[in-house]
Structures are given as C-alpha cells and as structure tokens.
Amino acid sequence: MNEEIIIFSQIVFIDLVLAGDNAIIIGMVASKFPIEQRKKIIFWGIGGAVFLRIILTLLTAYLLQITGLRLFGGVLLLYVIYKLYIDVIRGSSQEHDIKVNNSSFLKAIWTILLADFTMSLDNVLGVAGAAGDHYGLLIFGLILSIILMATAATLISNWIKKYKWIAWLGLFAILIVAIELIYTDIKILFL
C-alpha cells in the first residue's frame, strides 16, 4: 500500500508539471480562429489529443517492459528534466513558436495533433515509468493528464510560476522515475 501511495504522488506531480503545455497549444491554435470555429477546434483538438494520449500510453507501457528500452526511456527523461529545469525553474521559457495556418479547420486540428504528439511523449513516459506494473495507477495517470490538459492548464501554469516548489517536486518525481528505469535495465543487462 505504501508503494502505491508513492507512485500515486509521483504521477500527480508529473502530470501537474507536464500536462499544461498541451492545453496551452490548443488554446493558442484556437485563438487564431473566429469564435464560432474556436469551440469546435478546442473540442476536436482535445478529442484527438485524448485519443493520441491513450494510444501513446498503451504503447509506452508495453515498450517499457522490454529490456533496454527502460534505459533509453530513463535517459530521455533525464533530458526532459533538464529542459523543464531550464524552461520552468530558471524561467527562460520562450513562447511556443507554433505556426498556425488559420485558413483551414482541418489544418488547425492537424497542428494540434502534431504538437500534442511531440509534447505528450514526456508526460506519457513519465507516468508509465512511474506506474510500472500498476495498471490501475497508469489509467489514473492517463485520466488525470487528460483532465488537466482539458481544464486546468492556465491554472497549473500560474501555480507553477507562483509556487516554484510545485515544479521542483515534479522534477524530483521525474528524476526518481528516470533513475528507477535506468537502474532496472542496468541491473538486468550488466549485473
């Protein structure tokens, strides 16, 4: 039971730190369109992002069972930690440079899906790595990231700017996951 509480806490902090970017991208793309199209773009953008997040989560959970890929995933998470430290903690984050072609509804949805794919991988990898074999907690992490992405991105972004300790806890949770992933594979491969 203690292990589940630790994993639960890791997942919550990972989602808090990583889930906000996706919603910000959706909002940025939608803001380029007239009000009547904006709601549709947000609906379809979030719907597509949710579908993509589910597929990525299932794929990542499967791939993390393969020896050697956990080591790769852990190293990738170390890079994510470095980028988050630079962007969030040090505050040198530039605005996302997303080119939006507001000539087409479908192009806007495509832009959102591409951005979500590239930005979801770190979240999915962190949550799947933290959950390990606890599939109930993996599903919880997926649902939480979707809820945060759809509803609370601006609020979370403001919290992290105001209370740096939330970002530090999130980075620490990701670091623990990265170390566990790397150690698991090193133990299997070399020890």
C-alpha atoms as a PDB file:
ATOM      1  CA  MET A   1       0.000   0.000   0.000  1.00  0.00           C
ATOM      2  CA  ASN A   2       2.875   2.368   0.772  1.00  0.00           C
ATOM      3  CA  GLU A   3       4.323   1.765  -2.706  1.00  0.00           C
ATOM      4  CA  GLU A   4       1.006   2.714  -4.334  1.00  0.00           C
ATOM      5  CA  ILE A   5       0.889   5.992  -2.378  1.00  0.00           C
ATOM      6  CA  ILE A   6       4.412   6.897  -3.525  1.00  0.00           C
ATOM      7  CA  ILE A   7       3.583   6.026  -7.142  1.00  0.00           C
ATOM      8  CA  PHE A   8       0.308   7.961  -6.895  1.00  0.00           C
ATOM      9  CA  SER A   9       2.189  11.055  -5.644  1.00  0.00           C
ATOM     10  CA  GLN A  10       4.788  10.759  -8.414  1.00  0.00           C
ATOM     11  CA  ILE A  11       2.080  10.532 -11.081  1.00  0.00           C
ATOM     12  CA  VAL A  12       0.210  13.568  -9.737  1.00  0.00           C
ATOM     13  CA  PHE A  13       3.330  15.759  -9.693  1.00  0.00           C
ATOM     14  CA  ILE A  14       4.476  14.546 -13.113  1.00  0.00           C
ATOM     15  CA  ASP A  15       1.046  15.351 -14.555  1.00  0.00           C
ATOM     16  CA  LEU A  16       0.953  18.754 -12.843  1.00  0.00           C
ATOM     17  CA  VAL A  17       4.281  19.768 -14.335  1.00  0.00           C
ATOM     18  CA  LEU A  18       3.879  18.248 -17.800  1.00  0.00           C
ATOM     19  CA  ALA A  19       0.173  18.365 -18.739  1.00  0.00           C
ATOM     20  CA  GLY A  20      -0.285  22.115 -19.080  1.00  0.00           C
ATOM     21  CA  ASP A  21       1.676  22.642 -22.300  1.00  0.00           C
ATOM     22  CA  ASN A  22      -0.762  20.662 -24.425  1.00  0.00           C
ATOM     23  CA  ALA A  23      -3.763  22.756 -23.398  1.00  0.00           C
ATOM     24  CA  ILE A  24      -1.818  25.953 -23.980  1.00  0.00           C
ATOM     25  CA  ILE A  25      -1.061  24.834 -27.544  1.00  0.00           C
ATOM     26  CA  ILE A  26      -4.734  24.016 -28.163  1.00  0.00           C
ATOM     27  CA  GLY A  27      -5.702  27.450 -26.845  1.00  0.00           C
ATOM     28  CA  MET A  28      -3.082  29.208 -28.981  1.00  0.00           C
ATOM     29  CA  VAL A  29      -4.228  27.477 -32.173  1.00  0.00           C
ATOM     30  CA  ALA A  30      -7.924  28.044 -31.418  1.00  0.00           C
ATOM     31  CA  SER A  31      -7.365  31.729 -30.655  1.00  0.00           C
ATOM     32  CA  LYS A  32      -6.454  32.332 -34.320  1.00  0.00           C
ATOM     33  CA  PHE A  33      -9.990  31.466 -35.444  1.00  0.00           C
ATOM     34  CA  PRO A  34     -13.395  33.175 -35.218  1.00  0.00           C
ATOM     35  CA  ILE A  35     -15.416  32.433 -32.081  1.00  0.00           C
ATOM     36  CA  GLU A  36     -17.863  30.053 -33.801  1.00  0.00           C
ATOM     37  CA  GLN A  37     -15.000  27.840 -35.000  1.00  0.00           C
ATOM     38  CA  ARG A  38     -12.976  28.152 -31.793  1.00  0.00           C
ATOM     39  CA  LYS A  39     -15.201  25.821 -29.729  1.00  0.00           C
ATOM     40  CA  LYS A  40     -15.160  23.180 -32.463  1.00  0.00           C
ATOM     41  CA  ILE A  41     -11.378  23.358 -32.739  1.00  0.00           C
ATOM     42  CA  ILE A  42     -10.985  23.035 -28.963  1.00  0.00           C
ATOM     43  CA  PHE A  43     -13.447  20.113 -28.867  1.00  0.00           C
ATOM     44  CA  TRP A  44     -11.852  18.210 -31.763  1.00  0.00           C
ATOM     45  CA  GLY A  45      -8.337  19.173 -30.714  1.00  0.00           C
ATOM     46  CA  ILE A  46      -8.832  17.850 -27.191  1.00  0.00           C
ATOM     47  CA  GLY A  47     -10.689  14.791 -28.519  1.00  0.00           C
ATOM     48  CA  GLY A  48      -7.847  13.965 -30.878  1.00  0.00           C
ATOM     49  CA  ALA A  49      -5.277  14.655 -28.176  1.00  0.00           C
ATOM     50  CA  VAL A  50      -7.113  12.321 -25.780  1.00  0.00           C
ATOM     51  CA  PHE A  51      -7.166   9.533 -28.389  1.00  0.00           C
ATOM     52  CA  LEU A  52      -3.475  10.094 -29.110  1.00  0.00           C
ATOM     53  CA  ARG A  53      -2.643  10.118 -25.391  1.00  0.00           C
ATOM     54  CA  ILE A  54      -4.435   6.771 -24.859  1.00  0.00           C
ATOM     55  CA  ILE A  55      -2.582   5.123 -27.768  1.00  0.00           C
ATOM     56  CA  LEU A  56       0.794   6.552 -26.632  1.00  0.00           C
ATOM     57  CA  THR A  57       0.194   5.420 -23.039  1.00  0.00           C
ATOM     58  CA  LEU A  58      -0.671   1.848 -24.017  1.00  0.00           C
ATOM     59  CA  LEU A  59       2.282   1.674 -26.411  1.00  0.00           C
ATOM     60  CA  THR A  60       4.716   3.143 -23.873  1.00  0.00           C
ATOM     61  CA  ALA A  61       3.535   0.830 -21.070  1.00  0.00           C
ATOM     62  CA  TYR A  62       4.158  -2.140 -23.376  1.00  0.00           C
ATOM     63  CA  LEU A  63       7.549  -0.884 -24.618  1.00  0.00           C
ATOM     64  CA  LEU A  64       8.807  -0.198 -21.081  1.00  0.00           C
ATOM     65  CA  GLN A  65       8.538  -3.927 -20.399  1.00  0.00           C
ATOM     66  CA  ILE A  66      11.274  -4.569 -22.980  1.00  0.00           C
ATOM     67  CA  THR A  67      14.780  -4.726 -21.523  1.00  0.00           C
ATOM     68  CA  GLY A  68      16.963  -1.967 -22.902  1.00  0.00           C
ATOM     69  CA  LEU A  69      14.122   0.409 -23.684  1.00  0.00           C
ATOM     70  CA  ARG A  70      13.755   1.355 -19.998  1.00  0.00           C
ATOM     71  CA  LEU A  71      17.367   2.554 -20.079  1.00  0.00           C
ATOM     72  CA  PHE A  72      16.591   4.633 -23.174  1.00  0.00           C
ATOM     73  CA  GLY A  73      13.390   5.943 -21.553  1.00  0.00           C
ATOM     74  CA  GLY A  74      15.264   6.878 -18.371  1.00  0.00           C
ATOM     75  CA  VAL A  75      17.901   8.797 -20.330  1.00  0.00           C
ATOM     76  CA  LEU A  76      15.146  10.534 -22.300  1.00  0.00           C
ATOM     77  CA  LEU A  77      13.506  11.545 -19.010  1.00  0.00           C
ATOM     78  CA  LEU A  78      16.832  12.989 -17.813  1.00  0.00           C
ATOM     79  CA  TYR A  79      16.763  15.225 -20.894  1.00  0.00           C
ATOM     80  CA  VAL A  80      13.140  16.175 -20.115  1.00  0.00           C
ATOM     81  CA  ILE A  81      14.223  17.119 -16.569  1.00  0.00           C
ATOM     82  CA  TYR A  82      16.992  19.322 -17.950  1.00  0.00           C
ATOM     83  CA  LYS A  83      14.594  21.058 -20.388  1.00  0.00           C
ATOM     84  CA  LEU A  84      11.996  21.572 -17.654  1.00  0.00           C
ATOM     85  CA  TYR A  85      14.630  22.984 -15.323  1.00  0.00           C
ATOM     86  CA  ILE A  86      15.703  25.486 -17.988  1.00  0.00           C
ATOM     87  CA  ASP A  87      12.145  26.412 -19.006  1.00  0.00           C
ATOM     88  CA  VAL A  88      10.221  26.266 -15.739  1.00  0.00           C
ATOM     89  CA  ILE A  89      12.618  26.699 -12.842  1.00  0.00           C
ATOM     90  CA  ARG A  90      15.028  29.178 -14.402  1.00  0.00           C
ATOM     91  CA  GLY A  91      12.162  30.869 -16.208  1.00  0.00           C
ATOM     92  CA  SER A  92      13.844  31.188 -19.576  1.00  0.00           C
ATOM     93  CA  SER A  93      10.917  29.674 -21.403  1.00  0.00           C
ATOM     94  CA  GLN A  94      10.172  31.295 -24.699  1.00  0.00           C
ATOM     95  CA  GLU A  95       6.674  31.305 -26.086  1.00  0.00           C
ATOM     96  CA  HIS A  96       5.943  28.209 -28.128  1.00  0.00           C
ATOM     97  CA  ASP A  97       6.691  29.051 -31.727  1.00  0.00           C
ATOM     98  CA  ILE A  98       3.806  27.327 -33.435  1.00  0.00           C
ATOM     99  CA  LYS A  99       2.952  28.329 -36.964  1.00  0.00           C
ATOM    100  CA  VAL A 100      -0.817  28.318 -37.323  1.00  0.00           C
ATOM    101  CA  ASN A 101      -2.409  28.337 -40.732  1.00  0.00           C
ATOM    102  CA  ASN A 102      -5.842  29.709 -39.941  1.00  0.00           C
ATOM    103  CA  SER A 103      -7.114  29.054 -43.453  1.00  0.00           C
ATOM    104  CA  SER A 104      -8.468  25.618 -42.596  1.00  0.00           C
ATOM    105  CA  PHE A 105     -10.254  23.945 -39.716  1.00  0.00           C
ATOM    106  CA  LEU A 106      -8.586  20.595 -40.538  1.00  0.00           C
ATOM    107  CA  LYS A 107      -5.131  22.186 -40.667  1.00  0.00           C
ATOM    108  CA  ALA A 108      -5.740  23.620 -37.189  1.00  0.00           C
ATOM    109  CA  ILE A 109      -6.719  20.178 -35.838  1.00  0.00           C
ATOM    110  CA  TRP A 110      -3.649  18.657 -37.543  1.00  0.00           C
ATOM    111  CA  THR A 111      -1.418  21.324 -35.935  1.00  0.00           C
ATOM    112  CA  ILE A 112      -2.870  20.488 -32.507  1.00  0.00           C
ATOM    113  CA  LEU A 113      -2.360  16.737 -33.013  1.00  0.00           C
ATOM    114  CA  LEU A 114       1.241  17.165 -34.153  1.00  0.00           C
ATOM    115  CA  ALA A 115       2.022  19.453 -31.215  1.00  0.00           C
ATOM    116  CA  ASP A 116       0.289  17.092 -28.795  1.00  0.00           C
ATOM    117  CA  PHE A 117       2.205  14.099 -30.131  1.00  0.00           C
ATOM    118  CA  THR A 118       5.563  15.768 -29.619  1.00  0.00           C
ATOM    119  CA  MET A 119       4.631  17.222 -26.228  1.00  0.00           C
ATOM    120  CA  SER A 120       2.791  14.186 -24.825  1.00  0.00           C
ATOM    121  CA  LEU A 121       5.672  11.763 -25.065  1.00  0.00           C
ATOM    122  CA  ASP A 122       7.414  13.144 -21.966  1.00  0.00           C
ATOM    123  CA  ASN A 123       4.196  13.024 -19.937  1.00  0.00           C
ATOM    124  CA  VAL A 124       3.287   9.519 -21.075  1.00  0.00           C
ATOM    125  CA  LEU A 125       6.830   8.224 -20.495  1.00  0.00           C
ATOM    126  CA  GLY A 126       6.950   9.752 -17.005  1.00  0.00           C
ATOM    127  CA  VAL A 127       3.559   8.402 -15.953  1.00  0.00           C
ATOM    128  CA  ALA A 128       4.106   4.938 -17.495  1.00  0.00           C
ATOM    129  CA  GLY A 129       7.571   4.739 -15.921  1.00  0.00           C
ATOM    130  CA  ALA A 130       6.244   5.734 -12.513  1.00  0.00           C
ATOM    131  CA  ALA A 131       3.282   3.349 -12.677  1.00  0.00           C
ATOM    132  CA  GLY A 132       5.358   0.335 -13.684  1.00  0.00           C
ATOM    133  CA  ASP A 133       3.179  -2.776 -13.336  1.00  0.00           C
ATOM    134  CA  HIS A 134       0.389  -0.918 -11.512  1.00  0.00           C
ATOM    135  CA  TYR A 135      -2.045  -0.604 -14.402  1.00  0.00           C
ATOM    136  CA  GLY A 136      -4.775   0.947 -12.277  1.00  0.00           C
ATOM    137  CA  LEU A 137      -2.415   3.799 -11.400  1.00  0.00           C
ATOM    138  CA  LEU A 138      -1.363   4.050 -15.058  1.00  0.00           C
ATOM    139  CA  ILE A 139      -5.007   4.520 -16.063  1.00  0.00           C
ATOM    140  CA  PHE A 140      -5.430   7.068 -13.243  1.00  0.00           C
ATOM    141  CA  GLY A 141      -2.395   8.998 -14.534  1.00  0.00           C
ATOM    142  CA  LEU A 142      -3.766   8.964 -18.064  1.00  0.00           C
ATOM    143  CA  ILE A 143      -7.185  10.222 -16.954  1.00  0.00           C
ATOM    144  CA  LEU A 144      -5.613  12.889 -14.720  1.00  0.00           C
ATOM    145  CA  SER A 145      -3.397  14.172 -17.543  1.00  0.00           C
ATOM    146  CA  ILE A 146      -6.421  14.386 -19.855  1.00  0.00           C
ATOM    147  CA  ILE A 147      -8.483  16.270 -17.259  1.00  0.00           C
ATOM    148  CA  LEU A 148      -5.611  18.650 -16.541  1.00  0.00           C
ATOM    149  CA  MET A 149      -4.977  19.186 -20.242  1.00  0.00           C
ATOM    150  CA  ALA A 150      -8.638  19.898 -20.947  1.00  0.00           C
ATOM    151  CA  THR A 151      -9.497  22.088 -17.985  1.00  0.00           C
ATOM    152  CA  ALA A 152      -6.711  23.389 -15.822  1.00  0.00           C
ATOM    153  CA  ALA A 153      -3.690  24.283 -17.955  1.00  0.00           C
ATOM    154  CA  THR A 154      -3.794  28.011 -17.269  1.00  0.00           C
ATOM    155  CA  LEU A 155      -4.349  27.491 -13.552  1.00  0.00           C
ATOM    156  CA  ILE A 156      -1.479  24.991 -13.304  1.00  0.00           C
ATOM    157  CA  SER A 157       0.805  27.264 -15.305  1.00  0.00           C
ATOM    158  CA  ASN A 158       0.081  30.129 -12.899  1.00  0.00           C
ATOM    159  CA  TRP A 159       0.614  27.886  -9.843  1.00  0.00           C
ATOM    160  CA  ILE A 160       3.986  26.741 -11.122  1.00  0.00           C
ATOM    161  CA  LYS A 161       5.056  30.340 -11.810  1.00  0.00           C
ATOM    162  CA  LYS A 162       3.878  31.456  -8.360  1.00  0.00           C
ATOM    163  CA  TYR A 163       4.936  28.413  -6.317  1.00  0.00           C
ATOM    164  CA  LYS A 164       8.259  27.095  -7.634  1.00  0.00           C
ATOM    165  CA  TRP A 165       8.187  24.214  -5.126  1.00  0.00           C
ATOM    166  CA  ILE A 166       5.479  22.507  -7.232  1.00  0.00           C
ATOM    167  CA  ALA A 167       7.841  22.495 -10.217  1.00  0.00           C
ATOM    168  CA  TRP A 168      10.720  21.244  -8.032  1.00  0.00           C
ATOM    169  CA  LEU A 169       8.561  18.387  -6.695  1.00  0.00           C
ATOM    170  CA  GLY A 170       7.540  17.489 -10.231  1.00  0.00           C
ATOM    171  CA  LEU A 171      11.166  17.476 -11.386  1.00  0.00           C
ATOM    172  CA  PHE A 172      12.134  15.350  -8.388  1.00  0.00           C
ATOM    173  CA  ALA A 173       9.345  12.844  -9.154  1.00  0.00           C
ATOM    174  CA  ILE A 174      10.505  12.594 -12.782  1.00  0.00           C
ATOM    175  CA  LEU A 175      14.124  12.184 -11.639  1.00  0.00           C
ATOM    176  CA  ILE A 176      13.171   9.262  -9.381  1.00  0.00           C
ATOM    177  CA  VAL A 177      11.324   7.602 -12.269  1.00  0.00           C
ATOM    178  CA  ALA A 178      14.298   8.146 -14.615  1.00  0.00           C
ATOM    179  CA  ILE A 179      16.746   6.653 -12.080  1.00  0.00           C
ATOM    180  CA  GLU A 180      14.467   3.647 -11.478  1.00  0.00           C
ATOM    181  CA  LEU A 181      14.123   2.989 -15.219  1.00  0.00           C
ATOM    182  CA  ILE A 182      17.879   3.263 -15.807  1.00  0.00           C
ATOM    183  CA  TYR A 183      18.751   1.163 -12.743  1.00  0.00           C
ATOM    184  CA  THR A 184      16.269  -1.587 -13.682  1.00  0.00           C
ATOM    185  CA  ASP A 185      17.862  -2.089 -17.083  1.00  0.00           C
ATOM    186  CA  ILE A 186      21.471  -1.717 -15.854  1.00  0.00           C
ATOM    187  CA  LYS A 187      20.761  -4.349 -13.207  1.00  0.00           C
ATOM    188  CA  ILE A 188      19.366  -6.745 -15.831  1.00  0.00           C
ATOM    189  CA  LEU A 189      21.944  -6.024 -18.520  1.00  0.00           C
ATOM    190  CA  PHE A 190      25.177  -5.659 -16.558  1.00  0.00           C
ATOM    191  CA  LEU A 191      24.839  -7.021 -13.021  1.00  0.00           C
END
